[in-house]
Amino acid sequence: MTRDRLWARLMELSAIGGQTHSGGVTRFSFTEAERQAKNQVIAYMKEAGLDVREDAAGNVIGRKEGRDPLAPVVLTGSHIDTVPDGGKFDGALGVLASIEVLQQMNERGITTTHPIEVIAFTDEEGARFGFGMIGSRALAGTLQAEHLEHADERQITIRQAMQEAGLDPARIAEAARSPEQVKAYVELHIEQGKILESRGLPVGVVSGIAGPLWQQFTLTGEAGHAGATPMNARRDPMQAAAEIMGYIYQETKKYTNAVATVGKARVIPGGINVIPQQVEFTLDLRDIELAVRDRLEQAIHTFAHEVCQASGIELRISTLQRVAPSPCSPGIRAIIEEGCKRAGLPVLTLVSGAGHDGMQFGGLCPIGMIFVRSRDGISHSPQEWSSPEDCRAGAEVLYHTLLQLAVEQNN
């Protein structure tokens, strides 16, 4: 497996949307930076000898034809959009490693029975519209017309952004695949955690992906003067919000794999000497087991309503996204494990706490995931880092996995 070519492409792609002040990368969906990145990925795909197209959702697809063009396709890939001031490897490694793998197969004269396609999915992160995995939802056939009404901070909807990018939202259904058309999906991704690093291993086999639940809590009370209003006479939504946030973190710690994050908050009117009129905050709740996540959600909601009722605060909870946890296919896991052995690597199985495009494919095809070690477990940050050697090791495991799934035949 060619380490230098993969690494050079990773560094070259990271310059598109690169932030000179921090070294991070910002590439939101349907922006000029994303368009430039897509064009660069298209160039890499063509260098690899792949047939390239862009579907109705803006997914960039590179295809290596199989001996049987009508056989179900093996899919691989990831995304190239980022969070604000994000890292060089999140998503991009999966796309570029997949291209490298298929280029290696072509250079070695390897033909498979099944076609293989690498996909750079549109907007996995959800950073711009608060609604992610647009491209993978479209491919899975689960992207609905109402989803396109999600808007960014400038009130530009997904629908409008697609139109501005030259896409026709009315044709989004054309991106969908049927189960008969797809054999499997395998994604290579950085771990974004510390488990592999703590075990001294470059690569891991993912057993499943924890499902993210995104909600917004809106608490409305009564604004007042911070100095003239006694504490026992206040209807302060910030006090109630603080109690609820504390409960969220303490309750979540009772479960082994559950995680909860309050990532955004807004105080209205936001004066240092004003009791707030309203407080908004988000909740990101995840677990690999749906029953555990449901139990936690109910407990948090019950507590929040009790606190607000006792404080005279109006509470509204809206759900922004609800994605079920996604177990990886035991069959594909076994193939990835064999790929690790062929690459001379130990086998370690771990859970993905982060969400990925593959979780959209539960009703479409079996899925598998390969993790690559992240230094210090840092991700969504300019400090995100995976070494050239680890990236190469992950690509080698992906090579063996895709080859086995597509059934190798030498010319």
Protein backbone atom coordinates (compact mmCIF):
# COMPACT_ATOMS: atom_id res chain seq x y z
CA MET A 1 0.00 0.00 0.00
CA THR A 2 1.43 3.37 -1.06
CA ARG A 3 1.77 5.52 2.05
CA ASP A 4 3.29 8.61 0.42
CA ARG A 5 0.56 9.13 -2.22
CA LEU A 6 -2.23 8.81 0.31
CA TRP A 7 -0.49 11.19 2.72
CA ALA A 8 0.26 13.76 0.00
CA ARG A 9 -3.39 13.79 -1.03
CA LEU A 10 -4.54 14.18 2.59
CA MET A 11 -2.32 17.23 3.02
CA GLU A 12 -3.29 18.69 -0.36
CA LEU A 13 -7.02 18.33 0.31
CA SER A 14 -6.66 19.87 3.78
CA ALA A 15 -5.41 23.09 2.20
CA ILE A 16 -8.88 23.64 0.70
CA GLY A 17 -10.79 25.48 3.40
CA GLY A 18 -7.63 25.56 5.51
CA GLN A 19 -7.57 28.14 8.31
CA THR A 20 -4.19 29.85 8.38
CA HIS A 21 -4.63 31.17 11.93
CA SER A 22 -5.20 27.74 13.49
CA GLY A 23 -4.21 25.07 10.99
CA GLY A 24 -7.78 23.76 11.01
CA VAL A 25 -10.14 23.15 8.09
CA THR A 26 -13.61 24.61 7.47
CA ARG A 27 -15.62 23.13 4.59
CA PHE A 28 -19.38 23.45 4.92
CA SER A 29 -21.73 21.78 2.47
CA PHE A 30 -22.79 23.60 -0.70
CA THR A 31 -20.08 26.23 -0.37
CA GLU A 32 -17.27 27.21 -2.68
CA ALA A 33 -14.73 25.46 -0.44
CA GLU A 34 -16.68 22.22 -0.62
CA ARG A 35 -17.00 22.56 -4.41
CA GLN A 36 -13.25 22.98 -4.72
CA ALA A 37 -12.70 19.93 -2.51
CA LYS A 38 -15.13 17.87 -4.59
CA ASN A 39 -13.31 18.87 -7.77
CA GLN A 40 -10.02 17.79 -6.20
CA VAL A 41 -11.49 14.43 -5.18
CA ILE A 42 -12.83 13.99 -8.71
CA ALA A 43 -9.31 14.56 -10.02
CA TYR A 44 -7.94 11.89 -7.65
CA MET A 45 -10.64 9.45 -8.74
CA LYS A 46 -9.78 9.98 -12.39
CA GLU A 47 -6.07 9.48 -11.62
CA ALA A 48 -7.07 6.17 -10.02
CA GLY A 49 -8.75 5.08 -13.25
CA LEU A 50 -12.30 5.28 -11.91
CA ASP A 51 -15.46 6.28 -13.76
CA VAL A 52 -16.72 9.42 -11.98
CA ARG A 53 -20.15 10.97 -11.62
CA GLU A 54 -22.06 13.18 -9.19
CA ASP A 55 -25.57 12.12 -8.18
CA ALA A 56 -28.70 14.18 -7.48
CA ALA A 57 -27.67 14.74 -3.84
CA GLY A 58 -24.21 16.00 -4.74
CA ASN A 59 -22.47 12.75 -3.73
CA VAL A 60 -19.25 12.29 -5.73
CA ILE A 61 -18.95 8.66 -6.88
CA GLY A 62 -15.95 6.88 -8.38
CA ARG A 63 -16.65 3.41 -9.80
CA LYS A 64 -14.29 0.52 -10.50
CA GLU A 65 -16.22 -1.76 -12.78
CA GLY A 66 -16.56 -5.44 -11.94
CA ARG A 67 -16.47 -8.51 -14.13
CA ASP A 68 -20.25 -8.57 -13.73
CA PRO A 69 -21.49 -4.97 -14.09
CA LEU A 70 -24.98 -6.03 -12.96
CA ALA A 71 -23.76 -7.59 -9.72
CA PRO A 72 -24.60 -5.68 -6.49
CA VAL A 73 -22.00 -3.01 -5.82
CA VAL A 74 -19.65 -2.87 -2.83
CA LEU A 75 -19.65 0.68 -1.47
CA THR A 76 -16.91 2.44 0.47
CA GLY A 77 -16.00 6.03 1.29
CA SER A 78 -16.86 8.77 3.78
CA HIS A 79 -17.28 12.57 3.63
CA ILE A 80 -15.19 15.66 2.95
CA ASP A 81 -17.25 18.35 4.74
CA THR A 82 -16.00 19.46 8.16
CA VAL A 83 -17.08 21.08 11.38
CA PRO A 84 -15.95 24.70 11.93
CA ASP A 85 -12.15 24.79 12.21
CA GLY A 86 -12.01 20.99 12.09
CA GLY A 87 -9.25 18.50 11.42
CA LYS A 88 -7.53 17.13 8.32
CA PHE A 89 -8.52 13.49 8.75
CA ASP A 90 -12.17 13.25 9.81
CA GLY A 91 -14.01 11.90 6.76
CA ALA A 92 -11.26 12.82 4.29
CA LEU A 93 -9.13 9.82 5.27
CA GLY A 94 -11.98 7.43 4.46
CA VAL A 95 -12.53 8.94 1.02
CA LEU A 96 -8.86 9.19 0.06
CA ALA A 97 -7.91 5.77 1.46
CA SER A 98 -10.73 4.22 -0.56
CA ILE A 99 -9.46 5.92 -3.72
CA GLU A 100 -5.94 4.70 -2.95
CA VAL A 101 -7.20 1.13 -2.47
CA LEU A 102 -8.99 1.10 -5.83
CA GLN A 103 -6.01 2.72 -7.54
CA GLN A 104 -3.81 -0.04 -6.11
CA MET A 105 -6.17 -2.69 -7.48
CA ASN A 106 -6.07 -1.10 -10.93
CA GLU A 107 -2.30 -0.76 -10.87
CA ARG A 108 -1.98 -4.43 -9.90
CA GLY A 109 -4.35 -5.51 -12.68
CA ILE A 110 -6.94 -6.89 -10.28
CA THR A 111 -10.51 -7.37 -11.46
CA THR A 112 -13.33 -8.26 -9.08
CA THR A 113 -16.67 -9.88 -9.76
CA HIS A 114 -18.62 -7.09 -8.05
CA PRO A 115 -18.19 -3.42 -8.93
CA ILE A 116 -16.72 -1.24 -6.19
CA GLU A 117 -17.67 2.41 -5.71
CA VAL A 118 -16.02 5.01 -3.49
CA ILE A 119 -18.35 7.83 -2.43
CA ALA A 120 -17.62 11.26 -0.99
CA PHE A 121 -20.96 11.86 0.72
CA THR A 122 -22.61 15.28 0.94
CA ASP A 123 -22.77 16.89 4.40
CA GLU A 124 -22.19 14.18 6.97
CA GLU A 125 -21.39 16.58 9.79
CA GLY A 126 -24.58 18.67 9.88
CA ALA A 127 -22.45 21.69 10.86
CA ARG A 128 -24.16 24.15 8.54
CA PHE A 129 -27.85 23.21 8.80
CA GLY A 130 -28.04 21.32 12.11
CA PHE A 131 -29.08 18.30 10.07
CA GLY A 132 -26.43 15.92 8.77
CA MET A 133 -25.84 12.87 6.61
CA ILE A 134 -27.71 14.44 3.71
CA GLY A 135 -25.94 12.45 1.00
CA SER A 136 -26.11 9.09 2.76
CA ARG A 137 -29.78 9.61 3.63
CA ALA A 138 -30.45 10.35 -0.04
CA LEU A 139 -28.61 7.21 -1.14
CA ALA A 140 -30.52 5.14 1.42
CA GLY A 141 -33.80 6.62 0.20
CA THR A 142 -34.70 8.13 3.57
CA LEU A 143 -34.15 11.84 2.79
CA GLN A 144 -37.59 13.47 2.84
CA ALA A 145 -38.78 16.73 1.27
CA GLU A 146 -39.34 18.28 4.70
CA HIS A 147 -35.70 17.63 5.63
CA LEU A 148 -34.68 20.11 2.95
CA GLU A 149 -36.34 22.92 4.91
CA HIS A 150 -33.64 22.89 7.61
CA ALA A 151 -31.89 26.27 7.49
CA ASP A 152 -28.48 27.64 8.38
CA GLU A 153 -27.76 30.73 10.49
CA ARG A 154 -28.53 33.00 7.52
CA GLN A 155 -31.89 31.22 7.07
CA ILE A 156 -30.79 29.60 3.81
CA THR A 157 -32.47 26.19 3.59
CA ILE A 158 -30.88 23.00 2.33
CA ARG A 159 -33.22 23.24 -0.64
CA GLN A 160 -32.00 26.76 -1.50
CA ALA A 161 -28.36 25.81 -0.96
CA MET A 162 -28.72 22.84 -3.29
CA GLN A 163 -30.21 25.06 -5.97
CA GLU A 164 -27.40 27.58 -5.56
CA ALA A 165 -24.95 24.68 -6.01
CA GLY A 166 -26.59 23.70 -9.29
CA LEU A 167 -28.55 20.73 -7.93
CA ASP A 168 -32.28 20.13 -8.39
CA PRO A 169 -33.94 19.20 -5.05
CA ALA A 170 -36.93 17.80 -6.96
CA ARG A 171 -34.66 15.04 -8.30
CA ILE A 172 -33.24 13.98 -4.92
CA ALA A 173 -34.99 10.57 -5.11
CA GLU A 174 -32.80 9.69 -8.08
CA ALA A 175 -29.86 9.27 -5.69
CA ALA A 176 -31.55 6.37 -3.87
CA ARG A 177 -30.32 2.78 -4.23
CA SER A 178 -32.32 -0.40 -3.61
CA PRO A 179 -31.13 -3.37 -1.49
CA GLU A 180 -30.82 -5.43 -4.67
CA GLN A 181 -28.24 -2.96 -6.00
CA VAL A 182 -25.88 -2.91 -3.00
CA LYS A 183 -23.92 -5.79 -1.47
CA ALA A 184 -22.20 -3.98 1.42
CA TYR A 185 -20.81 -0.70 2.72
CA VAL A 186 -17.43 -0.42 4.45
CA GLU A 187 -16.03 2.81 5.87
CA LEU A 188 -12.56 3.65 7.08
CA HIS A 189 -12.48 6.47 9.64
CA ILE A 190 -10.31 7.86 12.38
CA GLU A 191 -11.36 6.63 15.81
CA GLN A 192 -11.86 10.08 17.38
CA GLY A 193 -11.18 8.45 20.74
CA LYS A 194 -8.32 7.02 22.80
CA ILE A 195 -8.96 3.27 22.90
CA LEU A 196 -6.61 2.26 20.08
CA GLU A 197 -3.90 4.59 21.38
CA SER A 198 -4.24 3.17 24.90
CA ARG A 199 -3.75 -0.36 23.49
CA GLY A 200 -0.87 0.66 21.24
CA LEU A 201 -2.72 -0.41 18.09
CA PRO A 202 -3.01 1.38 14.74
CA VAL A 203 -6.31 -0.17 13.58
CA GLY A 204 -9.54 -1.45 15.14
CA VAL A 205 -12.70 -3.28 14.06
CA VAL A 206 -15.95 -1.47 14.86
CA SER A 207 -18.80 -3.54 16.33
CA GLY A 208 -21.48 -0.86 15.99
CA ILE A 209 -22.26 2.85 15.85
CA ALA A 210 -24.01 4.63 18.70
CA GLY A 211 -27.12 6.49 17.56
CA PRO A 212 -27.24 10.29 18.08
CA LEU A 213 -30.34 12.01 19.44
CA TRP A 214 -30.25 15.80 19.00
CA GLN A 215 -32.76 17.97 20.87
CA GLN A 216 -33.23 21.63 21.69
CA PHE A 217 -34.52 22.77 25.07
CA THR A 218 -36.19 26.20 25.20
CA LEU A 219 -36.91 27.60 28.66
CA THR A 220 -38.94 30.81 28.95
CA GLY A 221 -39.27 32.79 32.17
CA GLU A 222 -39.45 36.46 33.06
CA ALA A 223 -36.75 39.06 32.52
CA GLY A 224 -35.90 41.35 35.40
CA HIS A 225 -33.26 43.53 37.04
CA ALA A 226 -30.38 41.46 38.40
CA GLY A 227 -29.99 43.67 41.44
CA ALA A 228 -33.56 44.60 42.28
CA THR A 229 -35.27 41.20 42.02
CA PRO A 230 -34.99 38.93 45.09
CA MET A 231 -33.88 35.35 44.42
CA ASN A 232 -37.13 33.84 45.69
CA ALA A 233 -39.21 36.14 43.45
CA ARG A 234 -37.55 35.21 40.17
CA ARG A 235 -38.70 33.10 37.22
CA ASP A 236 -35.15 32.61 36.00
CA PRO A 237 -34.78 30.15 33.08
CA MET A 238 -31.01 30.07 33.50
CA GLN A 239 -31.29 28.67 37.01
CA ALA A 240 -33.59 25.92 35.73
CA ALA A 241 -31.34 25.26 32.73
CA ALA A 242 -28.31 24.90 35.00
CA GLU A 243 -30.13 22.31 37.13
CA ILE A 244 -31.19 20.36 34.04
CA MET A 245 -27.69 20.42 32.54
CA GLY A 246 -26.20 19.15 35.78
CA TYR A 247 -28.72 16.32 35.88
CA ILE A 248 -27.99 15.37 32.26
CA TYR A 249 -24.31 14.84 32.97
CA GLN A 250 -24.74 13.06 36.30
CA GLU A 251 -27.44 10.70 35.04
CA THR A 252 -25.54 9.82 31.87
CA LYS A 253 -22.46 8.79 33.86
CA LYS A 254 -24.49 5.90 35.32
CA TYR A 255 -24.30 4.07 31.97
CA THR A 256 -21.18 2.48 30.48
CA ASN A 257 -21.44 3.57 26.84
CA ALA A 258 -23.82 6.54 27.06
CA VAL A 259 -22.56 10.07 26.38
CA ALA A 260 -24.34 13.42 26.61
CA THR A 261 -23.20 16.84 25.45
CA VAL A 262 -24.70 20.31 25.78
CA GLY A 263 -22.88 21.88 22.86
CA LYS A 264 -24.80 25.10 22.15
CA ALA A 265 -26.53 27.60 24.41
CA ARG A 266 -28.15 31.02 23.92
CA VAL A 267 -29.28 33.48 26.57
CA ILE A 268 -31.87 36.15 25.73
CA PRO A 269 -31.48 39.12 26.06
CA GLY A 270 -27.94 38.36 27.21
CA GLY A 271 -27.15 41.30 29.51
CA ILE A 272 -24.74 40.88 32.41
CA ASN A 273 -27.18 42.61 34.77
CA VAL A 274 -30.41 41.17 33.34
CA ILE A 275 -32.27 38.06 34.51
CA PRO A 276 -32.80 36.17 31.24
CA GLN A 277 -36.15 36.02 29.52
CA GLN A 278 -35.25 32.84 27.69
CA VAL A 279 -32.52 30.20 27.55
CA GLU A 280 -31.97 27.73 24.72
CA PHE A 281 -29.57 24.82 24.79
CA THR A 282 -28.99 21.67 22.78
CA LEU A 283 -28.58 18.07 23.89
CA ASP A 284 -26.62 15.43 21.99
CA LEU A 285 -27.41 12.03 23.57
CA ARG A 286 -25.89 8.76 22.35
CA ASP A 287 -25.64 5.08 23.19
CA ILE A 288 -25.05 1.87 21.25
CA GLU A 289 -28.22 0.43 22.84
CA LEU A 290 -31.48 2.10 21.85
CA ALA A 291 -33.23 1.00 25.07
CA VAL A 292 -30.59 2.75 27.19
CA ARG A 293 -30.82 5.94 25.16
CA ASP A 294 -34.62 5.91 25.38
CA ARG A 295 -34.45 5.40 29.15
CA LEU A 296 -32.05 8.30 29.56
CA GLU A 297 -34.11 10.58 27.34
CA GLN A 298 -37.24 9.89 29.39
CA ALA A 299 -35.43 10.48 32.67
CA ILE A 300 -34.02 13.80 31.44
CA HIS A 301 -37.39 14.96 30.15
CA THR A 302 -39.14 14.04 33.40
CA PHE A 303 -36.57 15.90 35.48
CA ALA A 304 -36.66 18.95 33.19
CA HIS A 305 -40.44 19.23 33.37
CA GLU A 306 -40.40 18.88 37.16
CA VAL A 307 -37.76 21.60 37.57
CA CYS A 308 -39.52 24.00 35.22
CA GLN A 309 -42.93 23.42 36.74
CA ALA A 310 -41.57 24.12 40.23
CA SER A 311 -39.88 27.30 38.99
CA GLY A 312 -42.74 28.69 36.92
CA ILE A 313 -40.74 28.23 33.71
CA GLU A 314 -42.29 27.30 30.37
CA LEU A 315 -40.42 24.39 28.74
CA ARG A 316 -40.43 23.32 25.11
CA ILE A 317 -38.35 20.37 23.82
CA SER A 318 -37.96 19.86 20.09
CA THR A 319 -36.19 16.96 18.38
CA LEU A 320 -33.69 17.96 15.70
CA GLN A 321 -32.46 14.47 14.81
CA ARG A 322 -33.11 10.93 16.00
CA VAL A 323 -30.94 8.18 14.52
CA ALA A 324 -31.08 4.58 15.72
CA PRO A 325 -27.85 2.83 16.77
CA SER A 326 -26.38 0.71 13.98
CA PRO A 327 -24.74 -2.66 14.67
CA CYS A 328 -22.07 -3.70 12.16
CA SER A 329 -22.55 -6.92 10.21
CA PRO A 330 -20.89 -9.93 11.95
CA GLY A 331 -19.95 -11.25 8.51
CA ILE A 332 -18.19 -8.06 7.48
CA ARG A 333 -16.57 -7.78 10.89
CA ALA A 334 -15.08 -11.24 10.35
CA ILE A 335 -13.73 -10.17 6.95
CA ILE A 336 -12.18 -7.02 8.47
CA GLU A 337 -10.62 -9.13 11.22
CA GLU A 338 -9.10 -11.39 8.57
CA GLY A 339 -7.86 -8.25 6.81
CA CYS A 340 -6.11 -7.18 10.02
CA LYS A 341 -4.39 -10.56 10.24
CA ARG A 342 -3.28 -10.37 6.60
CA ALA A 343 -1.81 -6.96 7.35
CA GLY A 344 0.04 -8.44 10.34
CA LEU A 345 -2.05 -6.55 12.87
CA PRO A 346 -3.75 -7.69 16.11
CA VAL A 347 -7.55 -7.62 16.19
CA LEU A 348 -9.33 -5.25 18.57
CA THR A 349 -13.09 -4.68 18.52
CA LEU A 350 -14.56 -1.38 19.75
CA VAL A 351 -17.72 0.71 19.59
CA SER A 352 -18.06 3.97 17.66
CA GLY A 353 -19.50 6.74 19.82
CA ALA A 354 -19.47 9.13 16.87
CA GLY A 355 -22.07 8.94 14.12
CA HIS A 356 -21.15 8.03 10.54
CA ASP A 357 -22.81 7.82 7.13
CA GLY A 358 -23.04 4.04 7.40
CA MET A 359 -25.71 4.30 10.08
CA GLN A 360 -28.15 5.37 7.38
CA PHE A 361 -27.82 2.03 5.59
CA GLY A 362 -29.48 -0.31 8.06
CA GLY A 363 -32.34 -1.00 5.66
CA LEU A 364 -30.13 -1.01 2.58
CA CYS A 365 -27.16 -3.32 3.13
CA PRO A 366 -24.79 -4.82 5.72
CA ILE A 367 -22.20 -2.34 7.01
CA GLY A 368 -18.69 -2.54 8.41
CA MET A 369 -16.23 0.00 9.81
CA ILE A 370 -12.49 0.18 10.29
CA PHE A 371 -10.98 2.63 12.78
CA VAL A 372 -7.54 4.24 12.59
CA ARG A 373 -5.75 5.45 15.72
CA SER A 374 -6.20 9.13 16.70
CA ARG A 375 -3.41 10.85 18.62
CA ASP A 376 -4.67 11.79 22.10
CA GLY A 377 -8.20 10.90 20.91
CA ILE A 378 -8.59 14.45 19.55
CA SER A 379 -11.02 15.16 16.70
CA HIS A 380 -13.11 18.07 15.37
CA SER A 381 -10.05 20.19 16.09
CA PRO A 382 -6.94 21.47 14.31
CA GLN A 383 -4.99 19.16 16.64
CA GLU A 384 -6.61 16.08 15.08
CA TRP A 385 -3.82 13.74 13.93
CA SER A 386 -3.23 10.22 12.64
CA SER A 387 0.26 9.25 11.53
CA PRO A 388 1.19 8.37 7.93
CA GLU A 389 2.00 4.83 9.09
CA ASP A 390 -1.39 4.38 10.76
CA CYS A 391 -3.23 5.76 7.74
CA ARG A 392 -1.37 3.30 5.53
CA ALA A 393 -2.18 0.41 7.89
CA GLY A 394 -5.87 1.27 7.83
CA ALA A 395 -5.82 1.48 4.04
CA GLU A 396 -4.19 -1.94 3.84
CA VAL A 397 -6.91 -3.50 5.99
CA LEU A 398 -9.52 -1.78 3.81
CA TYR A 399 -7.81 -3.19 0.70
CA HIS A 400 -8.07 -6.78 1.92
CA THR A 401 -11.66 -6.21 3.10
CA LEU A 402 -12.96 -4.76 -0.15
CA LEU A 403 -11.14 -7.38 -2.18
CA GLN A 404 -12.76 -10.19 -0.21
CA LEU A 405 -16.22 -8.61 -0.40
CA ALA A 406 -15.97 -8.00 -4.14
CA VAL A 407 -14.43 -11.45 -4.81
CA GLU A 408 -10.96 -11.16 -6.29
CA GLN A 409 -10.23 -12.41 -9.82
CA ASN A 410 -6.79 -11.75 -11.34
CA ASN A 411 -6.50 -10.84 -15.01
